């Protein structure tokens, strides 16, 4: 007979768990493993609430198992370390993020890319090496291998620092990886929630120009006055979106709800990058054909307006006249008032 969660390991633990897809959390008794030779045990003091937690407690991604103790922005104070722990000691301020294990033998692990390991073990809702379920940080105690424990500087408040363990690294990584850190670059941040607000702060710290893109005009003051964004773009305002076409070197999209992508792509310069870091519960749609050619197809009767726009550099990046579908109709209409002259 399988052991209950509170009997699987020697150390008693207490937290809050979801027991079904309603997502309602309630008190939960379970257990943590004994501190192994490479393990760090710490008292949990704070744990951030990630949007992933919401998806998981409600099984919106279809992978949740219950009971489920969420939380992967976990911070606290070390109470015990194993005999082979080298970099941490009792009393240190530490945190654990989204993963607690991997195979440690593949190329990704060898290059400190455990997050790409096919056998990566998530902090909660996964199966650990010993076959037991991992439980997250909505709890009083945490045990993790030193490899997955981050030491916090003494001057960094744990409550404010907790979101860096997921939201922080999620946006910091693409900013660095794709080179969105050079002063003078223009970066868009879609959404001003848990991920978005950190993305704005990091990008501004790097010295780049930041535009927050949101469906909520009410967030403009927060974005510009509190977080320091240079500008604010309401994505539902076609005039604002039109004015911003082709102005951004990169966009970090942090939205976890289904939303249209093509309008965002239009904001990018040539070779700009749209990086998706949100995790919607349903697939997003992206029309492919408009990505293949940067042209604006026009009818023949629009040609004079196109010339005016071309003079103002108001085109991305080439007007193309649809001769086959529009010239004949224009010809017929024009000839009704300008018939051919009969030859003498």
C-alpha atoms as a PDB file:
ATOM      1  CA  UNK A   1       0.000   0.000   0.000  1.00  0.00           C
ATOM      2  CA  UNK A   2       1.317   3.444  -0.940  1.00  0.00           C
ATOM      3  CA  UNK A   3       2.243   5.693   1.946  1.00  0.00           C
ATOM      4  CA  UNK A   4       0.337   8.904   2.545  1.00  0.00           C
ATOM      5  CA  UNK A   5       2.127  12.228   1.906  1.00  0.00           C
ATOM      6  CA  UNK A   6       2.734  12.712   5.638  1.00  0.00           C
ATOM      7  CA  UNK A   7       4.334   9.267   5.968  1.00  0.00           C
ATOM      8  CA  UNK A   8       6.651   9.260   2.950  1.00  0.00           C
ATOM      9  CA  UNK A   9       9.517  11.078   4.650  1.00  0.00           C
ATOM     10  CA  UNK A  10      10.770  11.514   8.220  1.00  0.00           C
ATOM     11  CA  UNK A  11      10.276  15.279   8.638  1.00  0.00           C
ATOM     12  CA  UNK A  12       6.786  16.624   9.184  1.00  0.00           C
ATOM     13  CA  UNK A  13       5.733  19.542   7.009  1.00  0.00           C
ATOM     14  CA  UNK A  14       2.658  21.698   6.785  1.00  0.00           C
ATOM     15  CA  UNK A  15       1.328  23.817   3.957  1.00  0.00           C
ATOM     16  CA  UNK A  16      -1.653  24.662   1.806  1.00  0.00           C
ATOM     17  CA  UNK A  17      -2.638  22.421  -1.085  1.00  0.00           C
ATOM     18  CA  UNK A  18      -5.194  22.151  -3.852  1.00  0.00           C
ATOM     19  CA  UNK A  19      -6.944  18.791  -3.853  1.00  0.00           C
ATOM     20  CA  UNK A  20      -8.940  19.070  -7.092  1.00  0.00           C
ATOM     21  CA  UNK A  21      -9.293  21.299 -10.195  1.00  0.00           C
ATOM     22  CA  UNK A  22     -11.459  23.783  -8.322  1.00  0.00           C
ATOM     23  CA  UNK A  23      -8.103  25.218  -7.285  1.00  0.00           C
ATOM     24  CA  UNK A  24      -9.247  25.909  -3.729  1.00  0.00           C
ATOM     25  CA  UNK A  25      -6.309  25.709  -1.314  1.00  0.00           C
ATOM     26  CA  UNK A  26      -6.648  24.326   2.194  1.00  0.00           C
ATOM     27  CA  UNK A  27      -4.363  23.166   5.058  1.00  0.00           C
ATOM     28  CA  UNK A  28      -2.342  20.079   4.215  1.00  0.00           C
ATOM     29  CA  UNK A  29      -0.060  17.774   6.207  1.00  0.00           C
ATOM     30  CA  UNK A  30       2.839  16.125   4.371  1.00  0.00           C
ATOM     31  CA  UNK A  31       6.530  15.375   4.901  1.00  0.00           C
ATOM     32  CA  UNK A  32       9.955  16.378   3.643  1.00  0.00           C
ATOM     33  CA  UNK A  33      12.927  14.081   3.153  1.00  0.00           C
ATOM     34  CA  UNK A  34      15.840  13.964   5.568  1.00  0.00           C
ATOM     35  CA  UNK A  35      18.686  16.340   4.730  1.00  0.00           C
ATOM     36  CA  UNK A  36      20.997  14.471   2.370  1.00  0.00           C
ATOM     37  CA  UNK A  37      24.728  15.051   2.069  1.00  0.00           C
ATOM     38  CA  UNK A  38      24.246  17.561  -0.757  1.00  0.00           C
ATOM     39  CA  UNK A  39      20.978  19.004   0.540  1.00  0.00           C
ATOM     40  CA  UNK A  40      20.056  22.314   2.097  1.00  0.00           C
ATOM     41  CA  UNK A  41      17.103  22.581   4.477  1.00  0.00           C
ATOM     42  CA  UNK A  42      15.573  25.973   5.143  1.00  0.00           C
ATOM     43  CA  UNK A  43      12.681  27.532   6.967  1.00  0.00           C
ATOM     44  CA  UNK A  44      10.339  29.103   4.435  1.00  0.00           C
ATOM     45  CA  UNK A  45       9.579  32.734   5.227  1.00  0.00           C
ATOM     46  CA  UNK A  46       8.045  33.966   1.963  1.00  0.00           C
ATOM     47  CA  UNK A  47       6.786  32.503  -1.310  1.00  0.00           C
ATOM     48  CA  UNK A  48       5.666  34.447  -4.359  1.00  0.00           C
ATOM     49  CA  UNK A  49       2.455  33.595  -6.184  1.00  0.00           C
ATOM     50  CA  UNK A  50       3.201  32.985  -9.856  1.00  0.00           C
ATOM     51  CA  UNK A  51       0.549  32.853 -12.565  1.00  0.00           C
ATOM     52  CA  UNK A  52       1.773  29.301 -13.155  1.00  0.00           C
ATOM     53  CA  UNK A  53       0.471  28.439  -9.688  1.00  0.00           C
ATOM     54  CA  UNK A  54      -3.012  29.502 -10.765  1.00  0.00           C
ATOM     55  CA  UNK A  55      -2.836  27.394 -13.912  1.00  0.00           C
ATOM     56  CA  UNK A  56      -1.540  24.400 -11.978  1.00  0.00           C
ATOM     57  CA  UNK A  57      -4.014  24.398  -9.080  1.00  0.00           C
ATOM     58  CA  UNK A  58      -6.844  24.482 -11.637  1.00  0.00           C
ATOM     59  CA  UNK A  59      -5.181  21.925 -13.943  1.00  0.00           C
ATOM     60  CA  UNK A  60      -5.489  24.345 -16.851  1.00  0.00           C
ATOM     61  CA  UNK A  61      -2.432  22.804 -18.526  1.00  0.00           C
ATOM     62  CA  UNK A  62      -3.716  19.271 -18.031  1.00  0.00           C
ATOM     63  CA  UNK A  63      -0.654  18.039 -16.130  1.00  0.00           C
ATOM     64  CA  UNK A  64      -1.585  18.605 -12.475  1.00  0.00           C
ATOM     65  CA  UNK A  65      -1.777  15.821  -9.918  1.00  0.00           C
ATOM     66  CA  UNK A  66      -3.384  16.210  -6.513  1.00  0.00           C
ATOM     67  CA  UNK A  67      -2.804  17.029  -3.727  1.00  0.00           C
ATOM     68  CA  UNK A  68      -0.714  19.869  -5.110  1.00  0.00           C
ATOM     69  CA  UNK A  69       1.303  22.307  -2.986  1.00  0.00           C
ATOM     70  CA  UNK A  70       2.239  25.172  -5.335  1.00  0.00           C
ATOM     71  CA  UNK A  71       4.986  27.757  -5.075  1.00  0.00           C
ATOM     72  CA  UNK A  72       8.345  28.134  -6.844  1.00  0.00           C
ATOM     73  CA  UNK A  73       9.498  31.534  -5.617  1.00  0.00           C
ATOM     74  CA  UNK A  74      10.551  30.203  -2.228  1.00  0.00           C
ATOM     75  CA  UNK A  75      12.821  32.085   0.186  1.00  0.00           C
ATOM     76  CA  UNK A  76      13.911  31.592   3.765  1.00  0.00           C
ATOM     77  CA  UNK A  77      16.756  30.930   6.219  1.00  0.00           C
ATOM     78  CA  UNK A  78      18.999  27.846   6.163  1.00  0.00           C
ATOM     79  CA  UNK A  79      18.547  25.591   9.205  1.00  0.00           C
ATOM     80  CA  UNK A  80      20.646  22.574   8.161  1.00  0.00           C
ATOM     81  CA  UNK A  81      23.131  21.602   5.461  1.00  0.00           C
ATOM     82  CA  UNK A  82      24.470  18.241   4.324  1.00  0.00           C
ATOM     83  CA  UNK A  83      28.068  17.129   4.810  1.00  0.00           C
ATOM     84  CA  UNK A  84      29.031  17.833   1.180  1.00  0.00           C
ATOM     85  CA  UNK A  85      27.395  21.241   0.880  1.00  0.00           C
ATOM     86  CA  UNK A  86      30.133  23.730  -0.034  1.00  0.00           C
ATOM     87  CA  UNK A  87      28.682  27.185  -0.634  1.00  0.00           C
ATOM     88  CA  UNK A  88      25.942  27.570   1.961  1.00  0.00           C
ATOM     89  CA  UNK A  89      25.755  27.495   5.736  1.00  0.00           C
ATOM     90  CA  UNK A  90      23.200  27.646   8.507  1.00  0.00           C
ATOM     91  CA  UNK A  91      21.755  31.156   8.784  1.00  0.00           C
ATOM     92  CA  UNK A  92      22.179  32.081   5.125  1.00  0.00           C
ATOM     93  CA  UNK A  93      19.293  33.731   3.270  1.00  0.00           C
ATOM     94  CA  UNK A  94      18.387  31.477   0.350  1.00  0.00           C
ATOM     95  CA  UNK A  95      15.789  30.712  -2.275  1.00  0.00           C
ATOM     96  CA  UNK A  96      14.593  27.964  -4.610  1.00  0.00           C
ATOM     97  CA  UNK A  97      13.032  28.636  -7.991  1.00  0.00           C
ATOM     98  CA  UNK A  98      11.244  26.548 -10.589  1.00  0.00           C
ATOM     99  CA  UNK A  99      13.325  23.350 -10.547  1.00  0.00           C
ATOM    100  CA  UNK A 100      14.849  21.009  -8.004  1.00  0.00           C
ATOM    101  CA  UNK A 101      16.433  18.275 -10.103  1.00  0.00           C
ATOM    102  CA  UNK A 102      17.709  17.048 -13.477  1.00  0.00           C
ATOM    103  CA  UNK A 103      19.695  14.113 -14.910  1.00  0.00           C
ATOM    104  CA  UNK A 104      23.087  15.836 -14.410  1.00  0.00           C
ATOM    105  CA  UNK A 105      24.558  13.786 -17.239  1.00  0.00           C
ATOM    106  CA  UNK A 106      23.268  15.295 -20.503  1.00  0.00           C
ATOM    107  CA  UNK A 107      24.922  18.078 -22.504  1.00  0.00           C
ATOM    108  CA  UNK A 108      22.481  20.651 -21.163  1.00  0.00           C
ATOM    109  CA  UNK A 109      23.264  19.803 -17.556  1.00  0.00           C
ATOM    110  CA  UNK A 110      26.983  19.829 -18.313  1.00  0.00           C
ATOM    111  CA  UNK A 111      26.589  23.411 -19.564  1.00  0.00           C
ATOM    112  CA  UNK A 112      24.520  24.647 -16.601  1.00  0.00           C
ATOM    113  CA  UNK A 113      21.324  24.487 -18.652  1.00  0.00           C
ATOM    114  CA  UNK A 114      19.369  22.138 -16.432  1.00  0.00           C
ATOM    115  CA  UNK A 115      16.171  23.927 -17.417  1.00  0.00           C
ATOM    116  CA  UNK A 116      16.529  22.309 -20.860  1.00  0.00           C
ATOM    117  CA  UNK A 117      17.222  18.834 -19.473  1.00  0.00           C
ATOM    118  CA  UNK A 118      14.594  16.340 -20.702  1.00  0.00           C
ATOM    119  CA  UNK A 119      14.504  14.907 -17.187  1.00  0.00           C
ATOM    120  CA  UNK A 120      14.260  18.244 -15.376  1.00  0.00           C
ATOM    121  CA  UNK A 121      12.264  18.004 -12.132  1.00  0.00           C
ATOM    122  CA  UNK A 122       9.908  20.833 -11.275  1.00  0.00           C
ATOM    123  CA  UNK A 123       9.729  22.219  -7.757  1.00  0.00           C
ATOM    124  CA  UNK A 124       6.162  21.057  -7.339  1.00  0.00           C
ATOM    125  CA  UNK A 125       3.790  18.644  -9.008  1.00  0.00           C
ATOM    126  CA  UNK A 126       6.593  16.448 -10.369  1.00  0.00           C
ATOM    127  CA  UNK A 127       8.128  13.092  -9.476  1.00  0.00           C
ATOM    128  CA  UNK A 128      11.458  13.234  -7.617  1.00  0.00           C
ATOM    129  CA  UNK A 129      14.323  10.748  -7.964  1.00  0.00           C
ATOM    130  CA  UNK A 130      12.896   8.597  -5.177  1.00  0.00           C
ATOM    131  CA  UNK A 131       9.486   8.368  -6.816  1.00  0.00           C
ATOM    132  CA  UNK A 132       7.702  10.725  -4.433  1.00  0.00           C
ATOM    133  CA  UNK A 133       5.863  13.904  -5.426  1.00  0.00           C
ATOM    134  CA  UNK A 134       7.561  17.285  -5.142  1.00  0.00           C
ATOM    135  CA  UNK A 135       5.785  19.920  -3.078  1.00  0.00           C
ATOM    136  CA  UNK A 136       6.301  23.658  -3.404  1.00  0.00           C
ATOM    137  CA  UNK A 137       6.759  26.662  -1.185  1.00  0.00           C
ATOM    138  CA  UNK A 138       3.285  27.269   0.196  1.00  0.00           C
ATOM    139  CA  UNK A 139       4.673  25.437   3.196  1.00  0.00           C
ATOM    140  CA  UNK A 140       6.795  25.829   6.307  1.00  0.00           C
ATOM    141  CA  UNK A 141       9.978  23.992   5.319  1.00  0.00           C
ATOM    142  CA  UNK A 142      11.894  23.204   2.130  1.00  0.00           C
ATOM    143  CA  UNK A 143      14.673  20.736   1.293  1.00  0.00           C
ATOM    144  CA  UNK A 144      16.598  20.944  -1.983  1.00  0.00           C
ATOM    145  CA  UNK A 145      19.944  19.967  -3.425  1.00  0.00           C
ATOM    146  CA  UNK A 146      22.498  22.768  -3.129  1.00  0.00           C
ATOM    147  CA  UNK A 147      22.765  22.943  -6.924  1.00  0.00           C
ATOM    148  CA  UNK A 148      19.244  24.377  -7.013  1.00  0.00           C
ATOM    149  CA  UNK A 149      19.482  26.731  -4.052  1.00  0.00           C
ATOM    150  CA  UNK A 150      20.391  30.394  -4.574  1.00  0.00           C
ATOM    151  CA  UNK A 151      22.058  32.472  -1.862  1.00  0.00           C
ATOM    152  CA  UNK A 152      20.518  35.917  -1.350  1.00  0.00           C
ATOM    153  CA  UNK A 153      22.675  38.964  -0.519  1.00  0.00           C
ATOM    154  CA  UNK A 154      22.200  40.140   3.056  1.00  0.00           C
ATOM    155  CA  UNK A 155      20.920  43.521   1.883  1.00  0.00           C
ATOM    156  CA  UNK A 156      18.181  42.079  -0.374  1.00  0.00           C
ATOM    157  CA  UNK A 157      14.807  41.826   1.423  1.00  0.00           C
ATOM    158  CA  UNK A 158      13.458  38.307   1.107  1.00  0.00           C
ATOM    159  CA  UNK A 159       9.863  39.333   0.492  1.00  0.00           C
ATOM    160  CA  UNK A 160      10.782  41.704  -2.346  1.00  0.00           C
ATOM    161  CA  UNK A 161      13.393  39.309  -3.719  1.00  0.00           C
ATOM    162  CA  UNK A 162      11.194  36.221  -3.920  1.00  0.00           C
ATOM    163  CA  UNK A 163       9.703  37.057  -7.356  1.00  0.00           C
ATOM    164  CA  UNK A 164      13.197  37.175  -8.861  1.00  0.00           C
ATOM    165  CA  UNK A 165      13.297  33.363  -8.626  1.00  0.00           C
ATOM    166  CA  UNK A 166      10.718  32.985 -11.398  1.00  0.00           C
ATOM    167  CA  UNK A 167       9.434  36.287 -12.753  1.00  0.00           C
ATOM    168  CA  UNK A 168      12.878  37.838 -12.519  1.00  0.00           C
ATOM    169  CA  UNK A 169      14.901  35.181 -14.322  1.00  0.00           C
ATOM    170  CA  UNK A 170      12.109  34.640 -16.853  1.00  0.00           C
ATOM    171  CA  UNK A 171      12.494  38.178 -18.214  1.00  0.00           C
ATOM    172  CA  UNK A 172      16.161  38.799 -17.374  1.00  0.00           C
ATOM    173  CA  UNK A 173      17.251  35.790 -19.433  1.00  0.00           C
ATOM    174  CA  UNK A 174      15.782  36.895 -22.800  1.00  0.00           C
ATOM    175  CA  UNK A 175      16.886  40.481 -22.252  1.00  0.00           C
ATOM    176  CA  UNK A 176      20.459  39.220 -21.932  1.00  0.00           C
ATOM    177  CA  UNK A 177      20.279  36.351 -24.418  1.00  0.00           C
ATOM    178  CA  UNK A 178      18.876  38.410 -27.275  1.00  0.00           C
ATOM    179  CA  UNK A 179      21.032  41.446 -26.581  1.00  0.00           C
ATOM    180  CA  UNK A 180      18.238  43.767 -25.470  1.00  0.00           C
ATOM    181  CA  UNK A 181      20.630  45.494 -23.099  1.00  0.00           C
ATOM    182  CA  UNK A 182      22.331  48.062 -25.295  1.00  0.00           C
ATOM    183  CA  UNK A 183      21.605  51.721 -24.559  1.00  0.00           C
ATOM    184  CA  UNK A 184      19.642  53.271 -27.399  1.00  0.00           C
ATOM    185  CA  UNK A 185      17.638  50.146 -28.132  1.00  0.00           C
ATOM    186  CA  UNK A 186      13.852  50.311 -27.977  1.00  0.00           C
ATOM    187  CA  UNK A 187      12.147  47.417 -26.180  1.00  0.00           C
ATOM    188  CA  UNK A 188       8.420  46.772 -25.795  1.00  0.00           C
ATOM    189  CA  UNK A 189       6.993  44.982 -22.769  1.00  0.00           C
ATOM    190  CA  UNK A 190       3.531  43.482 -23.228  1.00  0.00           C
ATOM    191  CA  UNK A 191       1.580  43.269 -19.979  1.00  0.00           C
ATOM    192  CA  UNK A 192       2.317  44.931 -16.647  1.00  0.00           C
ATOM    193  CA  UNK A 193       1.741  42.069 -14.237  1.00  0.00           C
ATOM    194  CA  UNK A 194       4.161  39.924 -12.252  1.00  0.00           C
ATOM    195  CA  UNK A 195       6.538  39.384 -15.168  1.00  0.00           C
ATOM    196  CA  UNK A 196       5.993  42.652 -16.965  1.00  0.00           C
ATOM    197  CA  UNK A 197       6.811  44.998 -14.125  1.00  0.00           C
ATOM    198  CA  UNK A 198      10.131  43.220 -13.528  1.00  0.00           C
ATOM    199  CA  UNK A 199      10.926  43.328 -17.244  1.00  0.00           C
ATOM    200  CA  UNK A 200      10.435  47.098 -17.252  1.00  0.00           C
ATOM    201  CA  UNK A 201      12.709  47.564 -14.238  1.00  0.00           C
ATOM    202  CA  UNK A 202      15.469  45.366 -15.679  1.00  0.00           C
ATOM    203  CA  UNK A 203      15.284  46.999 -19.106  1.00  0.00           C
ATOM    204  CA  UNK A 204      15.463  50.489 -17.621  1.00  0.00           C
ATOM    205  CA  UNK A 205      18.403  49.414 -15.469  1.00  0.00           C
ATOM    206  CA  UNK A 206      20.167  48.368 -18.678  1.00  0.00           C
ATOM    207  CA  UNK A 207      19.561  51.849 -20.076  1.00  0.00           C
ATOM    208  CA  UNK A 208      17.246  50.991 -22.971  1.00  0.00           C
ATOM    209  CA  UNK A 209      14.100  52.792 -24.068  1.00  0.00           C
ATOM    210  CA  UNK A 210      11.017  50.946 -22.804  1.00  0.00           C
ATOM    211  CA  UNK A 211       7.443  51.083 -24.051  1.00  0.00           C
ATOM    212  CA  UNK A 212       4.787  49.255 -22.073  1.00  0.00           C
ATOM    213  CA  UNK A 213       2.077  47.737 -24.271  1.00  0.00           C
ATOM    214  CA  UNK A 214      -1.206  47.059 -22.503  1.00  0.00           C
ATOM    215  CA  UNK A 215      -4.939  46.736 -23.070  1.00  0.00           C
ATOM    216  CA  UNK A 216      -5.540  48.788 -19.904  1.00  0.00           C
ATOM    217  CA  UNK A 217      -5.115  52.574 -20.224  1.00  0.00           C
ATOM    218  CA  UNK A 218      -5.416  52.797 -16.436  1.00  0.00           C
ATOM    219  CA  UNK A 219      -1.929  51.304 -16.091  1.00  0.00           C
ATOM    220  CA  UNK A 220      -0.187  54.186 -17.857  1.00  0.00           C
ATOM    221  CA  UNK A 221       0.575  56.129 -14.691  1.00  0.00           C
ATOM    222  CA  UNK A 222       1.983  53.054 -12.960  1.00  0.00           C
ATOM    223  CA  UNK A 223       4.125  52.203 -15.978  1.00  0.00           C
ATOM    224  CA  UNK A 224       5.583  55.642 -16.618  1.00  0.00           C
ATOM    225  CA  UNK A 225       5.660  57.351 -13.238  1.00  0.00           C
ATOM    226  CA  UNK A 226       6.320  54.461 -10.870  1.00  0.00           C
ATOM    227  CA  UNK A 227       8.293  51.980 -12.985  1.00  0.00           C
ATOM    228  CA  UNK A 228      10.002  54.491 -15.266  1.00  0.00           C
ATOM    229  CA  UNK A 229       8.805  53.335 -18.684  1.00  0.00           C
ATOM    230  CA  UNK A 230       9.480  55.893 -21.405  1.00  0.00           C
ATOM    231  CA  UNK A 231       6.109  55.504 -23.095  1.00  0.00           C
ATOM    232  CA  UNK A 232       2.834  53.632 -22.935  1.00  0.00           C
ATOM    233  CA  UNK A 233       0.918  52.072 -25.805  1.00  0.00           C
ATOM    234  CA  UNK A 234      -2.728  50.978 -25.630  1.00  0.00           C
ATOM    235  CA  UNK A 235      -2.851  47.902 -27.849  1.00  0.00           C
ATOM    236  CA  UNK A 236      -6.580  48.349 -28.528  1.00  0.00           C
ATOM    237  CA  UNK A 237      -6.054  51.837 -29.943  1.00  0.00           C
ATOM    238  CA  UNK A 238      -5.438  51.464 -33.705  1.00  0.00           C
ATOM    239  CA  UNK A 239      -4.046  55.001 -34.046  1.00  0.00           C
ATOM    240  CA  UNK A 240      -1.459  54.401 -31.325  1.00  0.00           C
ATOM    241  CA  UNK A 241      -0.499  51.035 -32.804  1.00  0.00           C
ATOM    242  CA  UNK A 242      -0.204  52.539 -36.291  1.00  0.00           C
ATOM    243  CA  UNK A 243       2.034  55.317 -35.048  1.00  0.00           C
ATOM    244  CA  UNK A 244       4.371  52.800 -33.393  1.00  0.00           C
ATOM    245  CA  UNK A 245       4.787  50.483 -36.403  1.00  0.00           C
ATOM    246  CA  UNK A 246       8.357  49.405 -37.012  1.00  0.00           C
ATOM    247  CA  UNK A 247       9.857  51.220 -34.032  1.00  0.00           C
ATOM    248  CA  UNK A 248      10.961  48.436 -31.665  1.00  0.00           C
ATOM    249  CA  UNK A 249      14.099  46.293 -31.628  1.00  0.00           C
ATOM    250  CA  UNK A 250      12.468  43.642 -29.475  1.00  0.00           C
ATOM    251  CA  UNK A 251       9.340  42.807 -27.515  1.00  0.00           C
ATOM    252  CA  UNK A 252       9.012  40.767 -24.329  1.00  0.00           C
ATOM    253  CA  UNK A 253       5.453  39.406 -24.234  1.00  0.00           C
ATOM    254  CA  UNK A 254       4.540  38.471 -20.658  1.00  0.00           C
ATOM    255  CA  UNK A 255       0.788  37.941 -21.057  1.00  0.00           C
ATOM    256  CA  UNK A 256      -0.617  34.616 -19.836  1.00  0.00           C
ATOM    257  CA  UNK A 257      -3.976  34.987 -21.591  1.00  0.00           C
ATOM    258  CA  UNK A 258      -4.829  34.308 -25.219  1.00  0.00           C
ATOM    259  CA  UNK A 259      -4.211  37.444 -27.286  1.00  0.00           C
ATOM    260  CA  UNK A 260      -3.442  38.387 -30.918  1.00  0.00           C
ATOM    261  CA  UNK A 261       0.227  38.310 -31.886  1.00  0.00           C
ATOM    262  CA  UNK A 262       0.267  39.834 -35.345  1.00  0.00           C
ATOM    263  CA  UNK A 263      -0.328  43.432 -34.170  1.00  0.00           C
ATOM    264  CA  UNK A 264       2.724  43.063 -31.931  1.00  0.00           C
ATOM    265  CA  UNK A 265       4.900  41.819 -34.766  1.00  0.00           C
ATOM    266  CA  UNK A 266       3.994  44.930 -36.712  1.00  0.00           C
ATOM    267  CA  UNK A 267       5.673  47.032 -34.031  1.00  0.00           C
ATOM    268  CA  UNK A 268       9.055  45.413 -34.680  1.00  0.00           C
ATOM    269  CA  UNK A 269      11.831  46.721 -36.862  1.00  0.00           C
ATOM    270  CA  UNK A 270      13.251  44.392 -39.499  1.00  0.00           C
ATOM    271  CA  UNK A 271      14.957  41.473 -37.751  1.00  0.00           C
ATOM    272  CA  UNK A 272      13.331  42.468 -34.488  1.00  0.00           C
ATOM    273  CA  UNK A 273      12.409  39.721 -32.052  1.00  0.00           C
ATOM    274  CA  UNK A 274       9.183  38.869 -30.249  1.00  0.00           C
ATOM    275  CA  UNK A 275       9.918  36.768 -27.172  1.00  0.00           C
ATOM    276  CA  UNK A 276       7.026  34.929 -25.543  1.00  0.00           C
ATOM    277  CA  UNK A 277       7.434  34.313 -21.816  1.00  0.00           C
ATOM    278  CA  UNK A 278       3.782  34.136 -20.749  1.00  0.00           C
ATOM    279  CA  UNK A 279       2.032  30.763 -20.722  1.00  0.00           C
ATOM    280  CA  UNK A 280      -1.576  30.928 -21.966  1.00  0.00           C
ATOM    281  CA  UNK A 281      -3.725  27.884 -21.358  1.00  0.00           C
ATOM    282  CA  UNK A 282      -4.771  27.695 -25.028  1.00  0.00           C
ATOM    283  CA  UNK A 283      -2.752  27.895 -28.271  1.00  0.00           C
ATOM    284  CA  UNK A 284      -2.156  31.310 -29.769  1.00  0.00           C
ATOM    285  CA  UNK A 285      -2.875  32.009 -33.431  1.00  0.00           C
ATOM    286  CA  UNK A 286      -0.261  33.593 -35.664  1.00  0.00           C
ATOM    287  CA  UNK A 287      -0.939  34.231 -39.374  1.00  0.00           C
ATOM    288  CA  UNK A 288       2.188  33.105 -41.200  1.00  0.00           C
ATOM    289  CA  UNK A 289       1.822  34.631 -44.666  1.00  0.00           C
ATOM    290  CA  UNK A 290       2.208  38.249 -43.511  1.00  0.00           C
ATOM    291  CA  UNK A 291       5.543  37.263 -41.964  1.00  0.00           C
ATOM    292  CA  UNK A 292       6.948  36.070 -45.262  1.00  0.00           C
ATOM    293  CA  UNK A 293       6.872  39.407 -47.070  1.00  0.00           C
ATOM    294  CA  UNK A 294       7.058  42.909 -45.644  1.00  0.00           C
ATOM    295  CA  UNK A 295       4.740  44.514 -48.167  1.00  0.00           C
ATOM    296  CA  UNK A 296       1.475  46.406 -48.192  1.00  0.00           C
ATOM    297  CA  UNK A 297      -0.741  45.333 -51.084  1.00  0.00           C
ATOM    298  CA  UNK A 298      -2.846  48.187 -52.498  1.00  0.00           C
ATOM    299  CA  UNK A 299      -5.402  48.709 -55.238  1.00  0.00           C
ATOM    300  CA  UNK A 300      -4.523  50.804 -58.279  1.00  0.00           C
ATOM    301  CA  UNK A 301      -6.871  53.603 -57.223  1.00  0.00           C
ATOM    302  CA  UNK A 302      -4.867  53.992 -53.986  1.00  0.00           C
ATOM    303  CA  UNK A 303      -1.618  54.696 -55.835  1.00  0.00           C
ATOM    304  CA  UNK A 304      -1.577  58.474 -55.299  1.00  0.00           C
ATOM    305  CA  UNK A 305      -2.148  58.088 -51.576  1.00  0.00           C
ATOM    306  CA  UNK A 306       0.645  55.515 -51.564  1.00  0.00           C
ATOM    307  CA  UNK A 307       2.951  58.003 -53.266  1.00  0.00           C
ATOM    308  CA  UNK A 308       2.182  60.580 -50.582  1.00  0.00           C
ATOM    309  CA  UNK A 309       2.827  58.043 -47.842  1.00  0.00           C
ATOM    310  CA  UNK A 310       6.029  56.918 -49.552  1.00  0.00           C
ATOM    311  CA  UNK A 311       7.301  60.486 -49.531  1.00  0.00           C
ATOM    312  CA  UNK A 312       6.712  60.511 -45.746  1.00  0.00           C
ATOM    313  CA  UNK A 313       8.421  57.120 -45.336  1.00  0.00           C
ATOM    314  CA  UNK A 314       5.085  55.755 -44.133  1.00  0.00           C
ATOM    315  CA  UNK A 315       5.426  52.228 -45.513  1.00  0.00           C
ATOM    316  CA  UNK A 316       6.694  48.865 -44.324  1.00  0.00           C
ATOM    317  CA  UNK A 317       8.558  48.254 -46.484  1.00  0.00           C
ATOM    318  CA  UNK A 318       7.185  48.243 -50.006  1.00  0.00           C
ATOM    319  CA  UNK A 319       3.851  49.063 -51.614  1.00  0.00           C
ATOM    320  CA  UNK A 320       2.748  46.441 -54.151  1.00  0.00           C
ATOM    321  CA  UNK A 321      -0.107  47.231 -56.543  1.00  0.00           C
ATOM    322  CA  UNK A 322      -2.586  44.409 -57.051  1.00  0.00           C
ATOM    323  CA  UNK A 323      -2.770  44.878 -60.821  1.00  0.00           C
ATOM    324  CA  UNK A 324      -4.546  41.620 -61.587  1.00  0.00           C
ATOM    325  CA  UNK A 325      -7.485  42.199 -59.243  1.00  0.00           C
ATOM    326  CA  UNK A 326      -7.941  45.972 -59.339  1.00  0.00           C
ATOM    327  CA  UNK A 327      -6.764  47.458 -62.642  1.00  0.00           C
ATOM    328  CA  UNK A 328      -9.563  45.929 -64.735  1.00  0.00           C
ATOM    329  CA  UNK A 329     -12.299  47.289 -62.457  1.00  0.00           C
ATOM    330  CA  UNK A 330     -10.659  50.707 -62.379  1.00  0.00           C
ATOM    331  CA  UNK A 331     -10.310  50.651 -66.163  1.00  0.00           C
ATOM    332  CA  UNK A 332     -13.974  49.784 -66.672  1.00  0.00           C
ATOM    333  CA  UNK A 333     -15.127  52.519 -64.300  1.00  0.00           C
ATOM    334  CA  UNK A 334     -12.857  55.153 -65.857  1.00  0.00           C
ATOM    335  CA  UNK A 335     -13.725  54.305 -69.432  1.00  0.00           C
ATOM    336  CA  UNK A 336     -17.402  54.843 -68.739  1.00  0.00           C
ATOM    337  CA  UNK A 337     -16.628  58.566 -68.557  1.00  0.00           C
ATOM    338  CA  UNK A 338     -13.601  58.563 -70.843  1.00  0.00           C
ATOM    339  CA  UNK A 339     -14.456  56.333 -73.804  1.00  0.00           C
ATOM    340  CA  UNK A 340     -11.911  55.433 -76.435  1.00  0.00           C
ATOM    341  CA  UNK A 341     -11.843  57.832 -79.341  1.00  0.00           C
ATOM    342  CA  UNK A 342     -12.713  56.328 -82.703  1.00  0.00           C
ATOM    343  CA  UNK A 343      -9.901  56.389 -85.188  1.00  0.00           C
ATOM    344  CA  UNK A 344     -10.341  58.653 -88.162  1.00  0.00           C
END
